[in-house]
PDB file of N, CA and C in Angstrom:
ATOM      1  N   MET A   1     -10.222  -0.048   9.341  1.00  0.00           N
ATOM      2  CA  MET A   1      -9.409  -0.466   8.231  1.00  0.00           C
ATOM      3  C   MET A   1      -8.473   0.637   7.747  1.00  0.00           C
ATOM      4  N   ALA A   2      -8.265   1.640   8.576  1.00  0.00           N
ATOM      5  CA  ALA A   2      -7.363   2.732   8.212  1.00  0.00           C
ATOM      6  C   ALA A   2      -5.940   2.223   8.006  1.00  0.00           C
ATOM      7  N   ALA A   3      -5.562   1.171   8.714  1.00  0.00           N
ATOM      8  CA  ALA A   3      -4.204   0.624   8.567  1.00  0.00           C
ATOM      9  C   ALA A   3      -3.977   0.105   7.153  1.00  0.00           C
ATOM     10  N   ILE A   4      -4.989  -0.468   6.560  1.00  0.00           N
ATOM     11  CA  ILE A   4      -4.856  -0.986   5.203  1.00  0.00           C
ATOM     12  C   ILE A   4      -4.740   0.181   4.214  1.00  0.00           C
ATOM     13  N   ARG A   5      -5.513   1.230   4.424  1.00  0.00           N
ATOM     14  CA  ARG A   5      -5.425   2.388   3.534  1.00  0.00           C
ATOM     15  C   ARG A   5      -4.074   3.078   3.649  1.00  0.00           C
ATOM     16  N   GLY A   6      -3.433   3.010   4.806  1.00  0.00           N
ATOM     17  CA  GLY A   6      -2.144   3.659   5.009  1.00  0.00           C
ATOM     18  C   GLY A   6      -0.955   2.819   4.569  1.00  0.00           C
ATOM     19  N   ALA A   7      -1.189   1.607   4.134  1.00  0.00           N
ATOM     20  CA  ALA A   7      -0.100   0.716   3.729  1.00  0.00           C
ATOM     21  C   ALA A   7       0.494   1.159   2.399  1.00  0.00           C
ATOM     22  N   SER A   8       1.788   0.865   2.234  1.00  0.00           N
ATOM     23  CA  SER A   8       2.494   1.253   1.019  1.00  0.00           C
ATOM     24  C   SER A   8       3.624   0.253   0.761  1.00  0.00           C
ATOM     25  N   LEU A   9       3.971   0.094  -0.495  1.00  0.00           N
ATOM     26  CA  LEU A   9       5.084  -0.769  -0.876  1.00  0.00           C
ATOM     27  C   LEU A   9       6.345   0.052  -1.153  1.00  0.00           C
ATOM     28  N   LYS A  10       6.384   1.268  -0.668  1.00  0.00           N
ATOM     29  CA  LYS A  10       7.463   2.210  -0.950  1.00  0.00           C
ATOM     30  C   LYS A  10       8.857   1.630  -0.695  1.00  0.00           C
ATOM     31  N   HIS A  11       9.033   0.914   0.407  1.00  0.00           N
ATOM     32  CA  HIS A  11      10.344   0.380   0.794  1.00  0.00           C
ATOM     33  C   HIS A  11      10.521  -1.100   0.473  1.00  0.00           C
ATOM     34  N   VAL A  12       9.585  -1.691  -0.261  1.00  0.00           N
ATOM     35  CA  VAL A  12       9.587  -3.134  -0.499  1.00  0.00           C
ATOM     36  C   VAL A  12      10.153  -3.443  -1.886  1.00  0.00           C
ATOM     37  N   ALA A  13      11.120  -4.353  -1.924  1.00  0.00           N
ATOM     38  CA  ALA A  13      11.690  -4.806  -3.193  1.00  0.00           C
ATOM     39  C   ALA A  13      10.905  -5.997  -3.737  1.00  0.00           C
ATOM     40  N   ARG A  14      10.543  -6.927  -2.840  1.00  0.00           N
ATOM     41  CA  ARG A  14       9.833  -8.144  -3.261  1.00  0.00           C
ATOM     42  C   ARG A  14       8.931  -8.612  -2.134  1.00  0.00           C
ATOM     43  N   LEU A  15       7.714  -9.006  -2.487  1.00  0.00           N
ATOM     44  CA  LEU A  15       6.760  -9.539  -1.525  1.00  0.00           C
ATOM     45  C   LEU A  15       6.232 -10.847  -2.106  1.00  0.00           C
ATOM     46  N   THR A  16       6.443 -11.945  -1.378  1.00  0.00           N
ATOM     47  CA  THR A  16       6.025 -13.273  -1.847  1.00  0.00           C
ATOM     48  C   THR A  16       5.008 -13.851  -0.877  1.00  0.00           C
ATOM     49  N   VAL A  17       3.874 -14.261  -1.413  1.00  0.00           N
ATOM     50  CA  VAL A  17       2.838 -14.915  -0.615  1.00  0.00           C
ATOM     51  C   VAL A  17       2.759 -16.360  -1.096  1.00  0.00           C
ATOM     52  N   SER A  18       3.065 -17.302  -0.194  1.00  0.00           N
ATOM     53  CA  SER A  18       3.070 -18.734  -0.535  1.00  0.00           C
ATOM     54  C   SER A  18       1.987 -19.446   0.258  1.00  0.00           C
ATOM     55  N   PHE A  19       1.166 -20.238  -0.440  1.00  0.00           N
ATOM     56  CA  PHE A  19       0.124 -20.983   0.262  1.00  0.00           C
ATOM     57  C   PHE A  19      -0.403 -22.114  -0.600  1.00  0.00           C
ATOM     58  N   CYS A  20      -1.029 -23.073   0.073  1.00  0.00           N
ATOM     59  CA  CYS A  20      -1.729 -24.174  -0.593  1.00  0.00           C
ATOM     60  C   CYS A  20      -3.183 -23.730  -0.789  1.00  0.00           C
ATOM     61  N   PRO A  21      -3.663 -23.648  -2.014  1.00  0.00           N
ATOM     62  CA  PRO A  21      -5.005 -23.122  -2.247  1.00  0.00           C
ATOM     63  C   PRO A  21      -6.134 -23.996  -1.693  1.00  0.00           C
ATOM     64  N   PHE A  22      -5.828 -25.222  -1.321  1.00  0.00           N
ATOM     65  CA  PHE A  22      -6.864 -26.118  -0.813  1.00  0.00           C
ATOM     66  C   PHE A  22      -6.950 -26.145   0.701  1.00  0.00           C
ATOM     67  N   ASP A  23      -6.079 -25.402   1.376  1.00  0.00           N
ATOM     68  CA  ASP A  23      -6.055 -25.359   2.833  1.00  0.00           C
ATOM     69  C   ASP A  23      -6.953 -24.224   3.322  1.00  0.00           C
ATOM     70  N   PRO A  24      -7.894 -24.505   4.235  1.00  0.00           N
ATOM     71  CA  PRO A  24      -8.793 -23.444   4.717  1.00  0.00           C
ATOM     72  C   PRO A  24      -8.079 -22.375   5.562  1.00  0.00           C
ATOM     73  N   LYS A  25      -6.866 -22.640   6.027  1.00  0.00           N
ATOM     74  CA  LYS A  25      -6.139 -21.668   6.843  1.00  0.00           C
ATOM     75  C   LYS A  25      -5.456 -20.582   6.008  1.00  0.00           C
ATOM     76  N   THR A  26      -5.652 -20.607   4.702  1.00  0.00           N
ATOM     77  CA  THR A  26      -4.957 -19.649   3.835  1.00  0.00           C
ATOM     78  C   THR A  26      -5.767 -18.389   3.551  1.00  0.00           C
ATOM     79  N   ALA A  27      -6.935 -18.263   4.128  1.00  0.00           N
ATOM     80  CA  ALA A  27      -7.802 -17.118   3.820  1.00  0.00           C
ATOM     81  C   ALA A  27      -7.116 -15.786   4.114  1.00  0.00           C
ATOM     82  N   THR A  28      -6.400 -15.697   5.211  1.00  0.00           N
ATOM     83  CA  THR A  28      -5.739 -14.444   5.566  1.00  0.00           C
ATOM     84  C   THR A  28      -4.628 -14.121   4.579  1.00  0.00           C
ATOM     85  N   ALA A  29      -3.842 -15.096   4.200  1.00  0.00           N
ATOM     86  CA  ALA A  29      -2.767 -14.863   3.233  1.00  0.00           C
ATOM     87  C   ALA A  29      -3.342 -14.437   1.884  1.00  0.00           C
ATOM     88  N   ARG A  30      -4.424 -15.057   1.471  1.00  0.00           N
ATOM     89  CA  ARG A  30      -5.052 -14.687   0.204  1.00  0.00           C
ATOM     90  C   ARG A  30      -5.610 -13.270   0.258  1.00  0.00           C
ATOM     91  N   ASP A  31      -6.214 -12.907   1.387  1.00  0.00           N
ATOM     92  CA  ASP A  31      -6.765 -11.568   1.558  1.00  0.00           C
ATOM     93  C   ASP A  31      -5.643 -10.523   1.545  1.00  0.00           C
ATOM     94  N   PHE A  32      -4.518 -10.835   2.194  1.00  0.00           N
ATOM     95  CA  PHE A  32      -3.372  -9.926   2.185  1.00  0.00           C
ATOM     96  C   PHE A  32      -2.840  -9.760   0.757  1.00  0.00           C
ATOM     97  N   LEU A  33      -2.739 -10.865   0.016  1.00  0.00           N
ATOM     98  CA  LEU A  33      -2.289 -10.813  -1.373  1.00  0.00           C
ATOM     99  C   LEU A  33      -3.219  -9.933  -2.209  1.00  0.00           C
ATOM    100  N   LEU A  34      -4.503 -10.065  -2.004  1.00  0.00           N
ATOM    101  CA  LEU A  34      -5.480  -9.240  -2.709  1.00  0.00           C
ATOM    102  C   LEU A  34      -5.253  -7.761  -2.416  1.00  0.00           C
ATOM    103  N   ARG A  35      -5.001  -7.433  -1.153  1.00  0.00           N
ATOM    104  CA  ARG A  35      -4.795  -6.036  -0.747  1.00  0.00           C
ATOM    105  C   ARG A  35      -3.512  -5.444  -1.335  1.00  0.00           C
ATOM    106  N   VAL A  36      -2.419  -6.201  -1.335  1.00  0.00           N
ATOM    107  CA  VAL A  36      -1.151  -5.652  -1.827  1.00  0.00           C
ATOM    108  C   VAL A  36      -1.064  -5.687  -3.355  1.00  0.00           C
ATOM    109  N   SER A  37      -1.989  -6.367  -4.001  1.00  0.00           N
ATOM    110  CA  SER A  37      -1.992  -6.433  -5.463  1.00  0.00           C
ATOM    111  C   SER A  37      -2.877  -5.370  -6.105  1.00  0.00           C
ATOM    112  N   CYS A  38      -3.529  -4.550  -5.294  1.00  0.00           N
ATOM    113  CA  CYS A  38      -4.421  -3.540  -5.858  1.00  0.00           C
ATOM    114  C   CYS A  38      -3.605  -2.433  -6.538  1.00  0.00           C
ATOM    115  N   ARG A  39      -4.229  -1.706  -7.415  1.00  0.00           N
ATOM    116  CA  ARG A  39      -3.551  -0.682  -8.216  1.00  0.00           C
ATOM    117  C   ARG A  39      -2.877   0.382  -7.350  1.00  0.00           C
ATOM    118  N   ARG A  40      -3.529   0.841  -6.286  1.00  0.00           N
ATOM    119  CA  ARG A  40      -2.961   1.884  -5.431  1.00  0.00           C
ATOM    120  C   ARG A  40      -1.663   1.422  -4.784  1.00  0.00           C
ATOM    121  N   MET A  41      -1.621   0.177  -4.349  1.00  0.00           N
ATOM    122  CA  MET A  41      -0.408  -0.353  -3.730  1.00  0.00           C
ATOM    123  C   MET A  41       0.704  -0.513  -4.772  1.00  0.00           C
ATOM    124  N   ILE A  42       0.382  -1.043  -5.924  1.00  0.00           N
ATOM    125  CA  ILE A  42       1.384  -1.215  -6.976  1.00  0.00           C
ATOM    126  C   ILE A  42       1.933   0.142  -7.414  1.00  0.00           C
ATOM    127  N   ASP A  43       1.068   1.147  -7.492  1.00  0.00           N
ATOM    128  CA  ASP A  43       1.502   2.491  -7.888  1.00  0.00           C
ATOM    129  C   ASP A  43       2.424   3.125  -6.847  1.00  0.00           C
ATOM    130  N   SER A  44       2.367   2.670  -5.594  1.00  0.00           N
ATOM    131  CA  SER A  44       3.242   3.234  -4.565  1.00  0.00           C
ATOM    132  C   SER A  44       4.703   2.816  -4.776  1.00  0.00           C
ATOM    133  N   ASN A  45       4.929   1.713  -5.520  1.00  0.00           N
ATOM    134  CA  ASN A  45       6.281   1.285  -5.879  1.00  0.00           C
ATOM    135  C   ASN A  45       6.187   0.334  -7.078  1.00  0.00           C
ATOM    136  N   PRO A  46       6.208   0.877  -8.287  1.00  0.00           N
ATOM    137  CA  PRO A  46       6.072   0.029  -9.478  1.00  0.00           C
ATOM    138  C   PRO A  46       7.198  -0.989  -9.643  1.00  0.00           C
ATOM    139  N   LYS A  47       8.349  -0.775  -9.009  1.00  0.00           N
ATOM    140  CA  LYS A  47       9.469  -1.714  -9.121  1.00  0.00           C
ATOM    141  C   LYS A  47       9.335  -2.918  -8.195  1.00  0.00           C
ATOM    142  N   CYS A  48       8.405  -2.867  -7.260  1.00  0.00           N
ATOM    143  CA  CYS A  48       8.203  -3.965  -6.305  1.00  0.00           C
ATOM    144  C   CYS A  48       7.622  -5.182  -7.027  1.00  0.00           C
ATOM    145  N   GLN A  49       8.187  -6.346  -6.738  1.00  0.00           N
ATOM    146  CA  GLN A  49       7.668  -7.604  -7.288  1.00  0.00           C
ATOM    147  C   GLN A  49       6.701  -8.199  -6.276  1.00  0.00           C
ATOM    148  N   VAL A  50       5.458  -8.402  -6.686  1.00  0.00           N
ATOM    149  CA  VAL A  50       4.476  -9.088  -5.852  1.00  0.00           C
ATOM    150  C   VAL A  50       4.275 -10.461  -6.468  1.00  0.00           C
ATOM    151  N   ILE A  51       4.676 -11.496  -5.719  1.00  0.00           N
ATOM    152  CA  ILE A  51       4.700 -12.861  -6.242  1.00  0.00           C
ATOM    153  C   ILE A  51       3.737 -13.733  -5.446  1.00  0.00           C
ATOM    154  N   SER A  52       2.918 -14.477  -6.149  1.00  0.00           N
ATOM    155  CA  SER A  52       2.069 -15.475  -5.493  1.00  0.00           C
ATOM    156  C   SER A  52       2.635 -16.844  -5.820  1.00  0.00           C
ATOM    157  N   ASN A  53       2.846 -17.643  -4.790  1.00  0.00           N
ATOM    158  CA  ASN A  53       3.453 -18.956  -4.937  1.00  0.00           C
ATOM    159  C   ASN A  53       2.456 -19.996  -4.433  1.00  0.00           C
ATOM    160  N   PHE A  54       1.829 -20.712  -5.346  1.00  0.00           N
ATOM    161  CA  PHE A  54       0.830 -21.716  -4.985  1.00  0.00           C
ATOM    162  C   PHE A  54       1.502 -23.073  -4.835  1.00  0.00           C
ATOM    163  N   LYS A  55       1.277 -23.694  -3.683  1.00  0.00           N
ATOM    164  CA  LYS A  55       1.858 -25.005  -3.411  1.00  0.00           C
ATOM    165  C   LYS A  55       0.733 -25.986  -3.138  1.00  0.00           C
ATOM    166  N   ASN A  56       0.904 -27.206  -3.543  1.00  0.00           N
ATOM    167  CA  ASN A  56      -0.085 -28.243  -3.280  1.00  0.00           C
ATOM    168  C   ASN A  56       0.510 -29.286  -2.341  1.00  0.00           C
ATOM    169  N   ASP A  57       1.149 -28.820  -1.277  1.00  0.00           N
ATOM    170  CA  ASP A  57       1.798 -29.743  -0.358  1.00  0.00           C
ATOM    171  C   ASP A  57       1.289 -29.600   1.079  1.00  0.00           C
ATOM    172  N   GLY A  58       0.240 -28.808   1.281  1.00  0.00           N
ATOM    173  CA  GLY A  58      -0.316 -28.643   2.621  1.00  0.00           C
ATOM    174  C   GLY A  58       0.549 -27.813   3.545  1.00  0.00           C
ATOM    175  N   SER A  59       1.534 -27.105   3.003  1.00  0.00           N
ATOM    176  CA  SER A  59       2.428 -26.306   3.848  1.00  0.00           C
ATOM    177  C   SER A  59       1.704 -25.079   4.397  1.00  0.00           C
ATOM    178  N   GLU A  60       2.266 -24.548   5.463  1.00  0.00           N
ATOM    179  CA  GLU A  60       1.693 -23.387   6.140  1.00  0.00           C
ATOM    180  C   GLU A  60       1.816 -22.144   5.242  1.00  0.00           C
ATOM    181  N   PRO A  61       0.767 -21.307   5.209  1.00  0.00           N
ATOM    182  CA  PRO A  61       0.858 -20.091   4.415  1.00  0.00           C
ATOM    183  C   PRO A  61       1.879 -19.121   5.014  1.00  0.00           C
ATOM    184  N   VAL A  62       2.690 -18.521   4.136  1.00  0.00           N
ATOM    185  CA  VAL A  62       3.777 -17.648   4.571  1.00  0.00           C
ATOM    186  C   VAL A  62       3.827 -16.417   3.673  1.00  0.00           C
ATOM    187  N   VAL A  63       4.067 -15.265   4.297  1.00  0.00           N
ATOM    188  CA  VAL A  63       4.318 -14.030   3.555  1.00  0.00           C
ATOM    189  C   VAL A  63       5.759 -13.623   3.834  1.00  0.00           C
ATOM    190  N   ASP A  64       6.563 -13.523   2.774  1.00  0.00           N
ATOM    191  CA  ASP A  64       7.959 -13.091   2.885  1.00  0.00           C
ATOM    192  C   ASP A  64       8.091 -11.727   2.222  1.00  0.00           C
ATOM    193  N   VAL A  65       8.649 -10.784   2.970  1.00  0.00           N
ATOM    194  CA  VAL A  65       8.852  -9.434   2.453  1.00  0.00           C
ATOM    195  C   VAL A  65      10.347  -9.152   2.476  1.00  0.00           C
ATOM    196  N   VAL A  66      10.880  -8.715   1.342  1.00  0.00           N
ATOM    197  CA  VAL A  66      12.280  -8.288   1.251  1.00  0.00           C
ATOM    198  C   VAL A  66      12.256  -6.793   0.961  1.00  0.00           C
ATOM    199  N   PHE A  67      12.873  -6.021   1.836  1.00  0.00           N
ATOM    200  CA  PHE A  67      12.893  -4.572   1.693  1.00  0.00           C
ATOM    201  C   PHE A  67      14.071  -4.144   0.818  1.00  0.00           C
ATOM    202  N   ASN A  68      14.051  -2.898   0.386  1.00  0.00           N
ATOM    203  CA  ASN A  68      15.098  -2.369  -0.484  1.00  0.00           C
ATOM    204  C   ASN A  68      16.477  -2.450   0.151  1.00  0.00           C
ATOM    205  N   ASP A  69      16.550  -2.385   1.479  1.00  0.00           N
ATOM    206  CA  ASP A  69      17.840  -2.461   2.174  1.00  0.00           C
ATOM    207  C   ASP A  69      18.218  -3.901   2.525  1.00  0.00           C
ATOM    208  N   LYS A  70      17.550  -4.876   1.913  1.00  0.00           N
ATOM    209  CA  LYS A  70      17.789  -6.322   2.077  1.00  0.00           C
ATOM    210  C   LYS A  70      17.315  -6.879   3.421  1.00  0.00           C
ATOM    211  N   ASP A  71      16.680  -6.049   4.252  1.00  0.00           N
ATOM    212  CA  ASP A  71      16.068  -6.525   5.488  1.00  0.00           C
ATOM    213  C   ASP A  71      14.856  -7.374   5.106  1.00  0.00           C
ATOM    214  N   THR A  72      14.483  -8.346   5.945  1.00  0.00           N
ATOM    215  CA  THR A  72      13.360  -9.221   5.619  1.00  0.00           C
ATOM    216  C   THR A  72      12.338  -9.264   6.737  1.00  0.00           C
ATOM    217  N   LEU A  73      11.131  -9.628   6.372  1.00  0.00           N
ATOM    218  CA  LEU A  73      10.043  -9.861   7.308  1.00  0.00           C
ATOM    219  C   LEU A  73       9.330 -11.119   6.834  1.00  0.00           C
ATOM    220  N   THR A  74       9.203 -12.101   7.717  1.00  0.00           N
ATOM    221  CA  THR A  74       8.508 -13.348   7.397  1.00  0.00           C
ATOM    222  C   THR A  74       7.350 -13.516   8.366  1.00  0.00           C
ATOM    223  N   MET A  75       6.154 -13.702   7.819  1.00  0.00           N
ATOM    224  CA  MET A  75       4.962 -13.902   8.649  1.00  0.00           C
ATOM    225  C   MET A  75       4.331 -15.244   8.289  1.00  0.00           C
ATOM    226  N   LYS A  76       4.223 -16.114   9.275  1.00  0.00           N
ATOM    227  CA  LYS A  76       3.483 -17.367   9.105  1.00  0.00           C
ATOM    228  C   LYS A  76       2.042 -17.045   9.462  1.00  0.00           C
ATOM    229  N   THR A  77       1.170 -17.144   8.496  1.00  0.00           N
ATOM    230  CA  THR A  77      -0.144 -16.516   8.611  1.00  0.00           C
ATOM    231  C   THR A  77      -1.300 -17.424   8.981  1.00  0.00           C
ATOM    232  N   SER A  78      -1.058 -18.691   9.241  1.00  0.00           N
ATOM    233  CA  SER A  78      -2.182 -19.602   9.477  1.00  0.00           C
ATOM    234  C   SER A  78      -2.991 -19.220  10.714  1.00  0.00           C
ATOM    235  N   ASN A  79      -2.368 -18.591  11.708  1.00  0.00           N
ATOM    236  CA  ASN A  79      -3.082 -18.207  12.920  1.00  0.00           C
ATOM    237  C   ASN A  79      -3.154 -16.692  13.100  1.00  0.00           C
ATOM    238  N   MET A  80      -2.988 -15.952  12.015  1.00  0.00           N
ATOM    239  CA  MET A  80      -3.029 -14.492  12.092  1.00  0.00           C
ATOM    240  C   MET A  80      -4.309 -13.963  11.449  1.00  0.00           C
ATOM    241  N   LYS A  81      -4.745 -12.819  11.936  1.00  0.00           N
ATOM    242  CA  LYS A  81      -5.855 -12.106  11.318  1.00  0.00           C
ATOM    243  C   LYS A  81      -5.274 -11.070  10.361  1.00  0.00           C
ATOM    244  N   LEU A  82      -6.059 -10.629   9.398  1.00  0.00           N
ATOM    245  CA  LEU A  82      -5.591  -9.677   8.406  1.00  0.00           C
ATOM    246  C   LEU A  82      -5.055  -8.404   9.063  1.00  0.00           C
ATOM    247  N   MET A  83      -5.761  -7.881  10.039  1.00  0.00           N
ATOM    248  CA  MET A  83      -5.319  -6.635  10.681  1.00  0.00           C
ATOM    249  C   MET A  83      -3.986  -6.832  11.403  1.00  0.00           C
ATOM    250  N   ASP A  84      -3.754  -8.011  11.981  1.00  0.00           N
ATOM    251  CA  ASP A  84      -2.462  -8.292  12.620  1.00  0.00           C
ATOM    252  C   ASP A  84      -1.343  -8.257  11.577  1.00  0.00           C
ATOM    253  N   MET A  85      -1.598  -8.840  10.411  1.00  0.00           N
ATOM    254  CA  MET A  85      -0.601  -8.859   9.342  1.00  0.00           C
ATOM    255  C   MET A  85      -0.312  -7.454   8.841  1.00  0.00           C
ATOM    256  N   VAL A  86      -1.362  -6.689   8.595  1.00  0.00           N
ATOM    257  CA  VAL A  86      -1.202  -5.330   8.074  1.00  0.00           C
ATOM    258  C   VAL A  86      -0.484  -4.450   9.094  1.00  0.00           C
ATOM    259  N   THR A  87      -0.815  -4.599  10.369  1.00  0.00           N
ATOM    260  CA  THR A  87      -0.165  -3.821  11.412  1.00  0.00           C
ATOM    261  C   THR A  87       1.317  -4.160  11.497  1.00  0.00           C
ATOM    262  N   THR A  88       1.648  -5.437  11.457  1.00  0.00           N
ATOM    263  CA  THR A  88       3.052  -5.856  11.478  1.00  0.00           C
ATOM    264  C   THR A  88       3.796  -5.310  10.271  1.00  0.00           C
ATOM    265  N   PHE A  89       3.186  -5.420   9.100  1.00  0.00           N
ATOM    266  CA  PHE A  89       3.788  -4.915   7.870  1.00  0.00           C
ATOM    267  C   PHE A  89       3.986  -3.400   7.946  1.00  0.00           C
ATOM    268  N   ASN A  90       2.952  -2.679   8.368  1.00  0.00           N
ATOM    269  CA  ASN A  90       3.040  -1.218   8.465  1.00  0.00           C
ATOM    270  C   ASN A  90       4.096  -0.776   9.477  1.00  0.00           C
ATOM    271  N   ASN A  91       4.186  -1.459  10.618  1.00  0.00           N
ATOM    272  CA  ASN A  91       5.188  -1.092  11.624  1.00  0.00           C
ATOM    273  C   ASN A  91       6.599  -1.250  11.077  1.00  0.00           C
ATOM    274  N   LYS A  92       6.836  -2.319  10.332  1.00  0.00           N
ATOM    275  CA  LYS A  92       8.158  -2.533   9.736  1.00  0.00           C
ATOM    276  C   LYS A  92       8.448  -1.459   8.680  1.00  0.00           C
ATOM    277  N   CYS A  93       7.431  -1.090   7.903  1.00  0.00           N
ATOM    278  CA  CYS A  93       7.606  -0.042   6.896  1.00  0.00           C
ATOM    279  C   CYS A  93       7.859   1.317   7.551  1.00  0.00           C
ATOM    280  N   LYS A  94       7.210   1.584   8.682  1.00  0.00           N
ATOM    281  CA  LYS A  94       7.445   2.839   9.392  1.00  0.00           C
ATOM    282  C   LYS A  94       8.859   2.918   9.928  1.00  0.00           C
ATOM    283  N   GLU A  95       9.423   1.773  10.340  1.00  0.00           N
ATOM    284  CA  GLU A  95      10.832   1.742  10.759  1.00  0.00           C
ATOM    285  C   GLU A  95      11.731   2.184   9.606  1.00  0.00           C
ATOM    286  N   LYS A  96      11.366   1.789   8.389  1.00  0.00           N
ATOM    287  CA  LYS A  96      12.161   2.166   7.210  1.00  0.00           C
ATOM    288  C   LYS A  96      12.025   3.659   6.921  1.00  0.00           C
ATOM    289  N   ASP A  97      10.834   4.233   7.164  1.00  0.00           N
ATOM    290  CA  ASP A  97      10.635   5.677   6.981  1.00  0.00           C
ATOM    291  C   ASP A  97      11.497   6.482   7.934  1.00  0.00           C
ATOM    292  N   VAL A  98      11.601   6.018   9.171  1.00  0.00           N
ATOM    293  CA  VAL A  98      12.401   6.714  10.177  1.00  0.00           C
ATOM    294  C   VAL A  98      13.884   6.639   9.824  1.00  0.00           C
ATOM    295  N   GLY A  99      14.299   5.524   9.226  1.00  0.00           N
ATOM    296  CA  GLY A  99      15.697   5.310   8.892  1.00  0.00           C
ATOM    297  C   GLY A  99      16.185   6.100   7.683  1.00  0.00           C
ATOM    298  N   GLU A 100      15.284   6.744   6.959  1.00  0.00           N
ATOM    299  CA  GLU A 100      15.686   7.499   5.755  1.00  0.00           C
ATOM    300  C   GLU A 100      16.501   8.717   6.106  1.00  0.00           C
TER     301      GLU A 100
END
């Protein structure tokens, strides 16, 4: 779980997690939301908006990330594991570190 400890919202302007709370495929999206809502993550970028969007329409769970440079990352999470999501998120954030 070192990837989760190394995660940061430093380059993120807005992170939106959308899911139907009654769908069993939303566990990964909910777990990711829990991880990015913790105090350590929020302290890494207090200006970042972390938004939870609950839908009751059976739609697929989605995580949308908008970075400070307006670049985006969209992950459809119904068939993803938490570590896959965190790794994808961290890799995109590392690209932003290199670009500084």
